[in-house]
Amino acid sequence: MSRENEIQLDGSEVTVIKAIGLSGGEVDGKTLLERLPDFVLAELVDTLHGLVAQAYVESDKGSYHRKEEFEKTHFHVNPSYAHDLKDALNPRPEPKKSRRVRRE
């Protein structure tokens, strides 16, 4: 059984969220490109658009398709989802339910 609000992230989303950080601070696009050298700009933009569409990440601009626009855009994790995202990045196994039954 899983929790209803459990967030499912793919590998690139996990990598991007870790690069942004869960502390609530902002990161600009230029810094993200430096932190994620294996990402092609188009892949990074596509991943961020998905995270923004799900409201997990917020940005100060709506459009950032060109490299110049992207580098000047600031991103941060939505504080409303920070706790759930932290759980998604570091999943803890659910405790097993005891099969003991108290009888009266």
C-alpha atoms as a PDB file:
ATOM      1  CA  MET A   1       0.000   0.000   0.000  1.00  0.00           C
ATOM      2  CA  SER A   2       1.284   3.440  -0.838  1.00  0.00           C
ATOM      3  CA  ARG A   3       0.312   6.816   0.433  1.00  0.00           C
ATOM      4  CA  GLU A   4      -2.092   8.865  -1.656  1.00  0.00           C
ATOM      5  CA  ASN A   5       0.211  11.879  -1.918  1.00  0.00           C
ATOM      6  CA  GLU A   6       3.301   9.894  -2.882  1.00  0.00           C
ATOM      7  CA  ILE A   7       5.225  11.670  -5.630  1.00  0.00           C
ATOM      8  CA  GLN A   8       6.699   9.589  -8.435  1.00  0.00           C
ATOM      9  CA  LEU A   9       9.727  11.128 -10.172  1.00  0.00           C
ATOM     10  CA  ASP A  10      11.819   9.848 -13.048  1.00  0.00           C
ATOM     11  CA  GLY A  11      15.608   9.944 -12.997  1.00  0.00           C
ATOM     12  CA  SER A  12      16.044  13.284 -14.729  1.00  0.00           C
ATOM     13  CA  GLU A  13      13.470  14.936 -12.451  1.00  0.00           C
ATOM     14  CA  VAL A  14      15.280  13.627  -9.374  1.00  0.00           C
ATOM     15  CA  THR A  15      18.590  14.948 -10.697  1.00  0.00           C
ATOM     16  CA  VAL A  16      17.156  18.391 -11.450  1.00  0.00           C
ATOM     17  CA  ILE A  17      15.423  18.715  -8.066  1.00  0.00           C
ATOM     18  CA  LYS A  18      18.638  17.718  -6.282  1.00  0.00           C
ATOM     19  CA  ALA A  19      20.526  20.345  -8.308  1.00  0.00           C
ATOM     20  CA  ILE A  20      17.982  23.026  -7.350  1.00  0.00           C
ATOM     21  CA  GLY A  21      17.915  21.912  -3.723  1.00  0.00           C
ATOM     22  CA  LEU A  22      15.091  21.624  -1.232  1.00  0.00           C
ATOM     23  CA  SER A  23      16.189  24.452   1.038  1.00  0.00           C
ATOM     24  CA  GLY A  24      13.919  27.000  -0.627  1.00  0.00           C
ATOM     25  CA  GLY A  25      16.706  29.031  -2.183  1.00  0.00           C
ATOM     26  CA  GLU A  26      16.641  30.117  -5.800  1.00  0.00           C
ATOM     27  CA  VAL A  27      18.982  28.826  -8.473  1.00  0.00           C
ATOM     28  CA  ASP A  28      19.418  30.511 -11.815  1.00  0.00           C
ATOM     29  CA  GLY A  29      19.536  28.647 -15.105  1.00  0.00           C
ATOM     30  CA  LYS A  30      23.223  29.336 -15.618  1.00  0.00           C
ATOM     31  CA  THR A  31      24.046  27.635 -12.295  1.00  0.00           C
ATOM     32  CA  LEU A  32      21.826  24.673 -13.195  1.00  0.00           C
ATOM     33  CA  LEU A  33      23.693  24.233 -16.475  1.00  0.00           C
ATOM     34  CA  GLU A  34      26.974  24.248 -14.527  1.00  0.00           C
ATOM     35  CA  ARG A  35      25.671  21.752 -11.957  1.00  0.00           C
ATOM     36  CA  LEU A  36      24.252  19.448 -14.637  1.00  0.00           C
ATOM     37  CA  PRO A  37      26.911  19.291 -17.378  1.00  0.00           C
ATOM     38  CA  ASP A  38      25.559  15.992 -18.749  1.00  0.00           C
ATOM     39  CA  PHE A  39      22.185  17.560 -19.583  1.00  0.00           C
ATOM     40  CA  VAL A  40      21.552  19.048 -22.998  1.00  0.00           C
ATOM     41  CA  LEU A  41      19.735  22.403 -22.720  1.00  0.00           C
ATOM     42  CA  ALA A  42      16.608  21.026 -24.446  1.00  0.00           C
ATOM     43  CA  GLU A  43      16.443  18.075 -22.025  1.00  0.00           C
ATOM     44  CA  LEU A  44      16.869  20.325 -19.000  1.00  0.00           C
ATOM     45  CA  VAL A  45      14.218  22.763 -20.256  1.00  0.00           C
ATOM     46  CA  ASP A  46      11.821  19.886 -20.964  1.00  0.00           C
ATOM     47  CA  THR A  47      12.334  18.385 -17.492  1.00  0.00           C
ATOM     48  CA  LEU A  48      11.841  21.771 -15.821  1.00  0.00           C
ATOM     49  CA  HIS A  49       8.677  22.452 -17.829  1.00  0.00           C
ATOM     50  CA  GLY A  50       7.290  19.153 -16.542  1.00  0.00           C
ATOM     51  CA  LEU A  51       8.198  19.970 -12.949  1.00  0.00           C
ATOM     52  CA  VAL A  52       6.710  23.457 -13.269  1.00  0.00           C
ATOM     53  CA  ALA A  53       3.535  22.030 -14.837  1.00  0.00           C
ATOM     54  CA  GLN A  54       3.163  19.726 -11.816  1.00  0.00           C
ATOM     55  CA  ALA A  55       3.845  22.736  -9.528  1.00  0.00           C
ATOM     56  CA  TYR A  56       6.821  21.011  -7.867  1.00  0.00           C
ATOM     57  CA  VAL A  57       9.151  23.767  -9.113  1.00  0.00           C
ATOM     58  CA  GLU A  58       8.422  27.459  -9.634  1.00  0.00           C
ATOM     59  CA  SER A  59      10.170  29.903 -11.942  1.00  0.00           C
ATOM     60  CA  ASP A  60      10.129  33.661 -12.291  1.00  0.00           C
ATOM     61  CA  LYS A  61       9.544  33.490 -16.063  1.00  0.00           C
ATOM     62  CA  GLY A  62       7.058  31.548 -18.126  1.00  0.00           C
ATOM     63  CA  SER A  63       9.219  31.146 -21.190  1.00  0.00           C
ATOM     64  CA  TYR A  64      12.859  30.090 -21.229  1.00  0.00           C
ATOM     65  CA  HIS A  65      13.522  28.243 -24.478  1.00  0.00           C
ATOM     66  CA  ARG A  66      16.619  30.138 -25.618  1.00  0.00           C
ATOM     67  CA  LYS A  67      19.858  29.712 -23.682  1.00  0.00           C
ATOM     68  CA  GLU A  68      20.072  33.430 -22.873  1.00  0.00           C
ATOM     69  CA  GLU A  69      16.545  33.407 -21.393  1.00  0.00           C
ATOM     70  CA  PHE A  70      17.183  30.190 -19.513  1.00  0.00           C
ATOM     71  CA  GLU A  71      20.395  31.394 -17.878  1.00  0.00           C
ATOM     72  CA  LYS A  72      18.585  34.449 -16.454  1.00  0.00           C
ATOM     73  CA  THR A  73      15.560  32.503 -15.156  1.00  0.00           C
ATOM     74  CA  HIS A  74      15.422  31.652 -11.442  1.00  0.00           C
ATOM     75  CA  PHE A  75      14.008  28.357 -10.167  1.00  0.00           C
ATOM     76  CA  HIS A  76      13.087  27.091  -6.710  1.00  0.00           C
ATOM     77  CA  VAL A  77      11.227  24.133  -5.263  1.00  0.00           C
ATOM     78  CA  ASN A  78       7.642  24.940  -4.324  1.00  0.00           C
ATOM     79  CA  PRO A  79       7.642  25.012  -0.504  1.00  0.00           C
ATOM     80  CA  SER A  80       4.218  23.338  -0.455  1.00  0.00           C
ATOM     81  CA  TYR A  81       5.767  20.204  -1.961  1.00  0.00           C
ATOM     82  CA  ALA A  82       9.224  20.327  -0.357  1.00  0.00           C
ATOM     83  CA  HIS A  83       8.465  17.708   2.316  1.00  0.00           C
ATOM     84  CA  ASP A  84       6.828  15.289  -0.126  1.00  0.00           C
ATOM     85  CA  LEU A  85       9.666  15.774  -2.617  1.00  0.00           C
ATOM     86  CA  LYS A  86      12.193  15.060   0.112  1.00  0.00           C
ATOM     87  CA  ASP A  87      10.375  11.797   0.826  1.00  0.00           C
ATOM     88  CA  ALA A  88      10.350  10.985  -2.908  1.00  0.00           C
ATOM     89  CA  LEU A  89      14.108  11.576  -3.148  1.00  0.00           C
ATOM     90  CA  ASN A  90      14.864   9.493  -0.052  1.00  0.00           C
ATOM     91  CA  PRO A  91      12.104   6.911   0.229  1.00  0.00           C
ATOM     92  CA  ARG A  92      11.739   5.218   3.570  1.00  0.00           C
ATOM     93  CA  PRO A  93      10.155   1.800   3.661  1.00  0.00           C
ATOM     94  CA  GLU A  94       6.747   1.769   5.252  1.00  0.00           C
ATOM     95  CA  PRO A  95       6.731  -0.017   8.590  1.00  0.00           C
ATOM     96  CA  LYS A  96       5.222  -3.456   8.449  1.00  0.00           C
ATOM     97  CA  LYS A  97       1.898  -3.754  10.124  1.00  0.00           C
ATOM     98  CA  SER A  98       1.745  -6.106  13.020  1.00  0.00           C
ATOM     99  CA  ARG A  99      -0.392  -9.167  12.447  1.00  0.00           C
ATOM    100  CA  ARG A 100      -1.161  -9.390  16.113  1.00  0.00           C
ATOM    101  CA  VAL A 101      -4.733  -8.780  17.063  1.00  0.00           C
ATOM    102  CA  ARG A 102      -5.777  -7.732  20.492  1.00  0.00           C
ATOM    103  CA  ARG A 103      -8.617  -9.838  21.739  1.00  0.00           C
ATOM    104  CA  GLU A 104     -10.823  -8.904  24.621  1.00  0.00           C
END
